């Protein structure tokens, strides 16, 4: 675990350095040629981030979530729950993150699929990248 924490800290230090270099470049009026996702600019400007931003950030995920919302059958047949599996620096390779309290035991149904899509979008656009944005 100590090695994992050291790797994570090194990665955050690299994000901090990149942010400092880009920030100084912008401050001094030097073009960097670096582009960022529109959702990052919205975060930095304090604008609200919404489900629609997923389509720009990751069109495939956006389309998948939209298909789930538009599906006319019973979405519980997909066997989804309110978790997302994310890869980490952990040697085990992945971990499940609950999108809501007790999400592991909460199936996605036709009635709550909008909540699932919104929570999933919030996770990938905000919660999952929070350490990097703060760096």
N, C-alpha and C. Protein backbone atom coordinates (compact mmCIF):
# COMPACT_ATOMS: atom_id res chain seq x y z
N UNK A 1 0.82 -1.19 0.00
CA UNK A 1 0.00 0.00 0.00
C UNK A 1 0.87 1.26 0.00
N UNK A 2 2.01 1.21 0.65
CA UNK A 2 2.91 2.36 0.67
C UNK A 2 3.39 2.67 -0.74
N UNK A 3 3.68 1.63 -1.52
CA UNK A 3 4.11 1.84 -2.90
C UNK A 3 2.99 2.46 -3.73
N UNK A 4 1.76 2.02 -3.49
CA UNK A 4 0.61 2.56 -4.21
C UNK A 4 0.44 4.04 -3.90
N UNK A 5 0.54 4.42 -2.63
CA UNK A 5 0.40 5.81 -2.23
C UNK A 5 1.52 6.65 -2.85
N UNK A 6 2.74 6.12 -2.88
CA UNK A 6 3.86 6.83 -3.48
C UNK A 6 3.64 7.05 -4.97
N UNK A 7 3.12 6.04 -5.66
CA UNK A 7 2.84 6.17 -7.09
C UNK A 7 1.75 7.19 -7.35
N UNK A 8 0.70 7.14 -6.52
CA UNK A 8 -0.38 8.10 -6.67
C UNK A 8 0.11 9.52 -6.43
N UNK A 9 0.96 9.70 -5.41
CA UNK A 9 1.48 11.03 -5.10
C UNK A 9 2.37 11.53 -6.24
N UNK A 10 3.17 10.64 -6.80
CA UNK A 10 4.02 11.03 -7.93
C UNK A 10 3.17 11.47 -9.12
N UNK A 11 2.09 10.74 -9.37
CA UNK A 11 1.20 11.10 -10.47
C UNK A 11 0.56 12.47 -10.23
N UNK A 12 0.11 12.72 -9.01
CA UNK A 12 -0.49 14.02 -8.68
C UNK A 12 0.54 15.14 -8.79
N UNK A 13 1.78 14.87 -8.41
CA UNK A 13 2.85 15.85 -8.57
C UNK A 13 3.06 16.20 -10.04
N UNK A 14 2.96 15.20 -10.91
CA UNK A 14 3.11 15.45 -12.35
C UNK A 14 1.95 16.30 -12.87
N UNK A 15 0.73 16.04 -12.40
CA UNK A 15 -0.41 16.88 -12.78
C UNK A 15 -0.20 18.31 -12.30
N UNK A 16 0.30 18.46 -11.08
CA UNK A 16 0.54 19.79 -10.51
C UNK A 16 1.57 20.53 -11.35
N UNK A 17 2.64 19.84 -11.74
CA UNK A 17 3.68 20.46 -12.56
C UNK A 17 3.11 20.88 -13.92
N UNK A 18 2.36 19.99 -14.55
CA UNK A 18 1.76 20.32 -15.85
C UNK A 18 0.83 21.52 -15.71
N UNK A 19 0.03 21.55 -14.65
CA UNK A 19 -0.87 22.68 -14.42
C UNK A 19 -0.11 23.98 -14.22
N UNK A 20 1.01 23.90 -13.52
CA UNK A 20 1.82 25.09 -13.29
C UNK A 20 2.41 25.61 -14.60
N UNK A 21 2.94 24.71 -15.41
CA UNK A 21 3.53 25.11 -16.70
C UNK A 21 2.47 25.72 -17.61
N UNK A 22 1.32 25.08 -17.71
CA UNK A 22 0.25 25.61 -18.56
C UNK A 22 -0.24 26.95 -18.00
N UNK A 23 -0.40 27.03 -16.70
CA UNK A 23 -0.85 28.27 -16.07
C UNK A 23 0.11 29.42 -16.33
N UNK A 24 1.39 29.19 -16.18
CA UNK A 24 2.38 30.23 -16.46
C UNK A 24 2.37 30.62 -17.93
N UNK A 25 2.19 29.65 -18.80
CA UNK A 25 2.14 29.94 -20.23
C UNK A 25 0.95 30.84 -20.56
N UNK A 26 -0.20 30.50 -20.00
CA UNK A 26 -1.40 31.32 -20.24
C UNK A 26 -1.21 32.71 -19.64
N UNK A 27 -0.71 32.76 -18.42
CA UNK A 27 -0.50 34.03 -17.74
C UNK A 27 0.43 34.95 -18.54
N UNK A 28 1.45 34.37 -19.16
CA UNK A 28 2.43 35.15 -19.92
C UNK A 28 2.08 35.28 -21.40
N UNK A 29 0.90 34.80 -21.78
CA UNK A 29 0.45 34.95 -23.16
C UNK A 29 1.20 34.10 -24.16
N UNK A 30 1.75 32.99 -23.72
CA UNK A 30 2.47 32.09 -24.62
C UNK A 30 1.57 30.93 -25.00
N UNK A 31 1.26 30.78 -26.29
CA UNK A 31 0.42 29.64 -26.68
C UNK A 31 1.11 28.31 -26.40
N UNK A 32 0.35 27.37 -25.91
CA UNK A 32 0.94 26.07 -25.57
C UNK A 32 0.58 24.97 -26.55
N UNK A 33 -0.49 25.16 -27.30
CA UNK A 33 -0.94 24.10 -28.20
C UNK A 33 -1.64 22.97 -27.46
N UNK A 34 -1.86 23.15 -26.17
CA UNK A 34 -2.51 22.14 -25.34
C UNK A 34 -4.01 22.42 -25.33
N UNK A 35 -4.79 21.39 -25.58
CA UNK A 35 -6.24 21.55 -25.48
C UNK A 35 -6.77 20.65 -24.37
N UNK A 36 -7.83 21.09 -23.76
CA UNK A 36 -8.44 20.33 -22.68
C UNK A 36 -9.90 20.10 -23.01
N UNK A 37 -10.50 19.09 -22.39
CA UNK A 37 -11.94 18.87 -22.60
C UNK A 37 -12.74 20.09 -22.14
N UNK A 38 -13.80 20.39 -22.85
CA UNK A 38 -14.66 21.53 -22.52
C UNK A 38 -15.13 21.47 -21.07
N UNK A 39 -15.38 20.28 -20.56
CA UNK A 39 -15.88 20.13 -19.20
C UNK A 39 -14.85 20.64 -18.18
N UNK A 40 -13.56 20.56 -18.49
CA UNK A 40 -12.55 21.09 -17.57
C UNK A 40 -12.67 22.60 -17.50
N UNK A 41 -12.85 23.25 -18.63
CA UNK A 41 -13.02 24.71 -18.63
C UNK A 41 -14.26 25.09 -17.82
N UNK A 42 -15.33 24.31 -17.97
CA UNK A 42 -16.55 24.59 -17.20
C UNK A 42 -16.27 24.48 -15.70
N UNK A 43 -15.52 23.46 -15.32
CA UNK A 43 -15.19 23.30 -13.89
C UNK A 43 -14.38 24.47 -13.39
N UNK A 44 -13.38 24.87 -14.16
CA UNK A 44 -12.51 25.97 -13.74
C UNK A 44 -13.27 27.29 -13.66
N UNK A 45 -14.29 27.44 -14.51
CA UNK A 45 -15.10 28.65 -14.52
C UNK A 45 -16.23 28.60 -13.49
N UNK A 46 -16.36 27.48 -12.79
CA UNK A 46 -17.40 27.33 -11.79
C UNK A 46 -18.78 27.11 -12.38
N UNK A 47 -18.85 26.70 -13.65
CA UNK A 47 -20.13 26.44 -14.28
C UNK A 47 -20.62 25.04 -13.91
N UNK A 48 -21.93 24.88 -13.96
CA UNK A 48 -22.52 23.59 -13.63
C UNK A 48 -22.21 22.55 -14.71
N UNK A 49 -21.86 21.37 -14.27
CA UNK A 49 -21.58 20.27 -15.18
C UNK A 49 -22.80 19.35 -15.17
N UNK A 50 -23.21 18.91 -16.35
CA UNK A 50 -24.43 18.13 -16.45
C UNK A 50 -24.21 16.83 -17.22
N UNK A 51 -25.24 16.03 -17.24
CA UNK A 51 -25.22 14.77 -17.98
C UNK A 51 -24.82 14.99 -19.43
N UNK A 52 -25.27 16.08 -20.05
CA UNK A 52 -24.98 16.36 -21.46
C UNK A 52 -23.49 16.50 -21.73
N UNK A 53 -22.71 16.89 -20.72
CA UNK A 53 -21.27 17.06 -20.91
C UNK A 53 -20.56 15.74 -21.15
N UNK A 54 -21.18 14.63 -20.77
CA UNK A 54 -20.57 13.32 -21.01
C UNK A 54 -20.36 13.08 -22.50
N UNK A 55 -21.29 13.54 -23.32
CA UNK A 55 -21.21 13.31 -24.77
C UNK A 55 -19.96 13.94 -25.37
N UNK A 56 -19.55 15.10 -24.86
CA UNK A 56 -18.34 15.74 -25.36
C UNK A 56 -17.10 15.09 -24.76
N UNK A 57 -17.19 14.73 -23.50
CA UNK A 57 -16.03 14.17 -22.80
C UNK A 57 -15.70 12.76 -23.28
N UNK A 58 -16.73 11.92 -23.38
CA UNK A 58 -16.55 10.54 -23.84
C UNK A 58 -17.81 10.12 -24.59
N UNK A 59 -17.83 10.35 -25.92
CA UNK A 59 -19.05 10.07 -26.69
C UNK A 59 -19.57 8.64 -26.54
N UNK A 60 -18.69 7.67 -26.41
CA UNK A 60 -19.15 6.28 -26.31
C UNK A 60 -19.93 6.05 -25.01
N UNK A 61 -19.42 6.58 -23.92
CA UNK A 61 -20.14 6.45 -22.64
C UNK A 61 -21.45 7.23 -22.71
N UNK A 62 -21.41 8.43 -23.29
CA UNK A 62 -22.62 9.21 -23.43
C UNK A 62 -23.69 8.47 -24.21
N UNK A 63 -23.30 7.86 -25.31
CA UNK A 63 -24.25 7.12 -26.13
C UNK A 63 -24.78 5.90 -25.39
N UNK A 64 -23.91 5.23 -24.66
CA UNK A 64 -24.35 4.05 -23.90
C UNK A 64 -25.37 4.43 -22.84
N UNK A 65 -25.10 5.50 -22.12
CA UNK A 65 -26.05 5.95 -21.10
C UNK A 65 -27.36 6.40 -21.73
N UNK A 66 -27.28 7.07 -22.87
CA UNK A 66 -28.50 7.50 -23.55
C UNK A 66 -29.32 6.31 -24.01
N UNK A 67 -28.64 5.27 -24.51
CA UNK A 67 -29.36 4.05 -24.93
C UNK A 67 -30.07 3.41 -23.74
N UNK A 68 -29.41 3.44 -22.58
CA UNK A 68 -30.03 2.90 -21.38
C UNK A 68 -31.29 3.70 -21.04
N UNK A 69 -31.21 5.01 -21.16
CA UNK A 69 -32.37 5.86 -20.87
C UNK A 69 -33.50 5.66 -21.88
N UNK A 70 -33.15 5.39 -23.12
CA UNK A 70 -34.16 5.24 -24.18
C UNK A 70 -34.69 3.82 -24.32
N UNK A 71 -34.07 2.87 -23.65
CA UNK A 71 -34.44 1.45 -23.80
C UNK A 71 -35.90 1.24 -23.41
N UNK A 72 -36.63 0.57 -24.26
CA UNK A 72 -38.07 0.39 -24.02
C UNK A 72 -38.39 -0.88 -23.24
N UNK A 73 -37.42 -1.76 -23.07
CA UNK A 73 -37.65 -2.97 -22.31
C UNK A 73 -37.35 -2.76 -20.84
N UNK A 74 -37.14 -3.85 -20.13
CA UNK A 74 -36.85 -3.82 -18.70
C UNK A 74 -35.34 -3.74 -18.50
N UNK A 75 -34.82 -2.58 -18.06
CA UNK A 75 -33.37 -2.40 -17.92
C UNK A 75 -32.78 -3.27 -16.81
N UNK A 76 -33.60 -3.78 -15.92
CA UNK A 76 -33.06 -4.66 -14.87
C UNK A 76 -32.51 -5.95 -15.47
N UNK A 77 -32.91 -6.27 -16.71
CA UNK A 77 -32.35 -7.44 -17.39
C UNK A 77 -30.84 -7.32 -17.63
N UNK A 78 -30.32 -6.08 -17.61
CA UNK A 78 -28.88 -5.88 -17.84
C UNK A 78 -28.04 -6.22 -16.61
N UNK A 79 -28.67 -6.34 -15.46
CA UNK A 79 -27.95 -6.70 -14.24
C UNK A 79 -27.05 -5.60 -13.70
N UNK A 80 -27.39 -4.36 -13.95
CA UNK A 80 -26.59 -3.24 -13.45
C UNK A 80 -26.95 -2.91 -12.01
N UNK A 81 -25.98 -2.37 -11.29
CA UNK A 81 -26.25 -1.80 -9.98
C UNK A 81 -25.59 -0.43 -9.93
N UNK A 82 -25.73 0.25 -8.82
CA UNK A 82 -25.20 1.60 -8.69
C UNK A 82 -23.74 1.59 -8.27
N UNK A 83 -22.92 0.90 -9.05
CA UNK A 83 -21.47 0.91 -8.86
C UNK A 83 -20.81 1.14 -10.20
N UNK A 84 -19.58 1.57 -10.14
CA UNK A 84 -18.76 1.70 -11.34
C UNK A 84 -17.42 1.04 -11.01
N UNK A 85 -16.91 0.28 -11.95
CA UNK A 85 -15.60 -0.35 -11.77
C UNK A 85 -14.56 0.54 -12.40
N UNK A 86 -13.56 0.88 -11.63
CA UNK A 86 -12.52 1.78 -12.11
C UNK A 86 -11.16 1.14 -11.91
N UNK A 87 -10.28 1.34 -12.85
CA UNK A 87 -8.92 0.83 -12.71
C UNK A 87 -8.14 1.82 -11.86
N UNK A 88 -7.22 1.29 -11.11
CA UNK A 88 -6.40 2.12 -10.24
C UNK A 88 -4.96 1.70 -10.39
N UNK A 89 -4.10 2.32 -9.63
CA UNK A 89 -2.70 1.90 -9.60
C UNK A 89 -2.51 0.66 -8.72
N UNK A 90 -3.58 0.25 -8.09
CA UNK A 90 -3.56 -0.92 -7.22
C UNK A 90 -3.19 -2.16 -8.03
N UNK A 91 -2.28 -2.98 -7.54
CA UNK A 91 -1.89 -4.19 -8.27
C UNK A 91 -3.05 -5.13 -8.57
N UNK A 92 -4.15 -5.05 -7.81
CA UNK A 92 -5.29 -5.91 -8.11
C UNK A 92 -5.98 -5.46 -9.38
N UNK A 93 -5.75 -4.22 -9.82
CA UNK A 93 -6.21 -3.76 -11.11
C UNK A 93 -7.49 -2.98 -11.15
N UNK A 94 -8.44 -3.21 -10.28
CA UNK A 94 -9.71 -2.49 -10.37
C UNK A 94 -10.40 -2.48 -9.01
N UNK A 95 -11.29 -1.53 -8.87
CA UNK A 95 -12.10 -1.49 -7.66
C UNK A 95 -13.49 -0.99 -8.01
N UNK A 96 -14.47 -1.41 -7.23
CA UNK A 96 -15.84 -0.98 -7.42
C UNK A 96 -16.13 0.21 -6.52
N UNK A 97 -16.67 1.25 -7.11
CA UNK A 97 -17.03 2.46 -6.37
C UNK A 97 -18.55 2.57 -6.39
N UNK A 98 -19.14 2.78 -5.23
CA UNK A 98 -20.58 2.93 -5.15
C UNK A 98 -20.97 4.35 -5.54
N UNK A 99 -21.95 4.46 -6.42
CA UNK A 99 -22.42 5.76 -6.89
C UNK A 99 -23.40 6.40 -5.91
N UNK A 100 -24.06 5.58 -5.11
CA UNK A 100 -24.96 6.04 -4.06
C UNK A 100 -24.71 5.15 -2.85
N UNK A 101 -25.12 5.56 -1.65
CA UNK A 101 -24.99 4.67 -0.51
C UNK A 101 -25.69 3.34 -0.78
N UNK A 102 -25.00 2.27 -0.44
CA UNK A 102 -25.51 0.91 -0.65
C UNK A 102 -25.75 0.61 -2.14
N UNK A 103 -24.99 1.28 -3.00
CA UNK A 103 -25.14 1.12 -4.44
C UNK A 103 -24.90 -0.29 -4.94
N UNK A 104 -24.06 -1.01 -4.24
CA UNK A 104 -23.76 -2.40 -4.62
C UNK A 104 -25.01 -3.28 -4.56
N UNK A 105 -25.92 -2.90 -3.67
CA UNK A 105 -27.15 -3.67 -3.48
C UNK A 105 -28.39 -2.99 -4.05
N UNK A 106 -28.17 -1.99 -4.91
CA UNK A 106 -29.29 -1.27 -5.50
C UNK A 106 -29.30 -1.52 -7.01
N UNK A 107 -30.23 -2.33 -7.49
CA UNK A 107 -30.28 -2.59 -8.93
C UNK A 107 -30.79 -1.38 -9.71
N UNK A 108 -30.31 -1.24 -10.94
CA UNK A 108 -30.82 -0.20 -11.84
C UNK A 108 -32.11 -0.72 -12.45
N UNK A 109 -33.16 0.06 -12.32
CA UNK A 109 -34.47 -0.31 -12.83
C UNK A 109 -34.96 0.79 -13.78
N UNK A 110 -36.08 0.54 -14.42
CA UNK A 110 -36.66 1.58 -15.28
C UNK A 110 -36.98 2.84 -14.48
N UNK A 111 -37.34 2.67 -13.22
CA UNK A 111 -37.72 3.81 -12.40
C UNK A 111 -36.53 4.66 -11.97
N UNK A 112 -35.34 4.05 -11.79
CA UNK A 112 -34.20 4.81 -11.28
C UNK A 112 -33.06 4.96 -12.29
N UNK A 113 -33.29 4.61 -13.53
CA UNK A 113 -32.21 4.67 -14.52
C UNK A 113 -31.73 6.09 -14.78
N UNK A 114 -32.61 7.09 -14.69
CA UNK A 114 -32.17 8.49 -14.86
C UNK A 114 -31.20 8.87 -13.75
N UNK A 115 -31.50 8.46 -12.52
CA UNK A 115 -30.59 8.71 -11.40
C UNK A 115 -29.25 8.03 -11.64
N UNK A 116 -29.29 6.78 -12.11
CA UNK A 116 -28.06 6.05 -12.41
C UNK A 116 -27.22 6.81 -13.45
N UNK A 117 -27.84 7.23 -14.54
CA UNK A 117 -27.11 7.94 -15.59
C UNK A 117 -26.49 9.23 -15.06
N UNK A 118 -27.25 9.97 -14.25
CA UNK A 118 -26.73 11.21 -13.68
C UNK A 118 -25.59 10.95 -12.70
N UNK A 119 -25.72 9.94 -11.87
CA UNK A 119 -24.66 9.61 -10.91
C UNK A 119 -23.41 9.10 -11.62
N UNK A 120 -23.61 8.31 -12.68
CA UNK A 120 -22.47 7.80 -13.47
C UNK A 120 -21.74 8.98 -14.12
N UNK A 121 -22.51 9.89 -14.70
CA UNK A 121 -21.91 11.07 -15.33
C UNK A 121 -21.15 11.91 -14.30
N UNK A 122 -21.76 12.11 -13.13
CA UNK A 122 -21.10 12.87 -12.07
C UNK A 122 -19.79 12.19 -11.67
N UNK A 123 -19.81 10.88 -11.60
CA UNK A 123 -18.59 10.16 -11.21
C UNK A 123 -17.47 10.40 -12.22
N UNK A 124 -17.73 10.18 -13.50
CA UNK A 124 -16.63 10.29 -14.47
C UNK A 124 -16.21 11.73 -14.74
N UNK A 125 -17.13 12.68 -14.58
CA UNK A 125 -16.81 14.07 -14.87
C UNK A 125 -16.28 14.84 -13.67
N UNK A 126 -16.56 14.33 -12.45
CA UNK A 126 -16.17 15.10 -11.28
C UNK A 126 -15.44 14.26 -10.23
N UNK A 127 -16.12 13.27 -9.67
CA UNK A 127 -15.53 12.53 -8.55
C UNK A 127 -14.24 11.82 -8.92
N UNK A 128 -14.22 11.16 -10.08
CA UNK A 128 -13.07 10.34 -10.46
C UNK A 128 -11.83 11.19 -10.76
N UNK A 129 -12.02 12.42 -11.19
CA UNK A 129 -10.89 13.26 -11.58
C UNK A 129 -10.58 14.36 -10.56
N UNK A 130 -11.27 14.37 -9.45
CA UNK A 130 -11.10 15.41 -8.44
C UNK A 130 -9.64 15.57 -7.99
N UNK A 131 -8.92 14.50 -7.67
CA UNK A 131 -7.53 14.68 -7.24
C UNK A 131 -6.67 15.36 -8.32
N UNK A 132 -6.87 15.00 -9.58
CA UNK A 132 -6.08 15.58 -10.65
C UNK A 132 -6.43 17.05 -10.85
N UNK A 133 -7.71 17.39 -10.75
CA UNK A 133 -8.12 18.79 -10.91
C UNK A 133 -7.58 19.64 -9.77
N UNK A 134 -7.62 19.11 -8.56
CA UNK A 134 -7.11 19.86 -7.41
C UNK A 134 -5.60 20.02 -7.44
N UNK A 135 -4.91 19.08 -8.10
CA UNK A 135 -3.44 19.15 -8.18
C UNK A 135 -3.05 20.39 -8.93
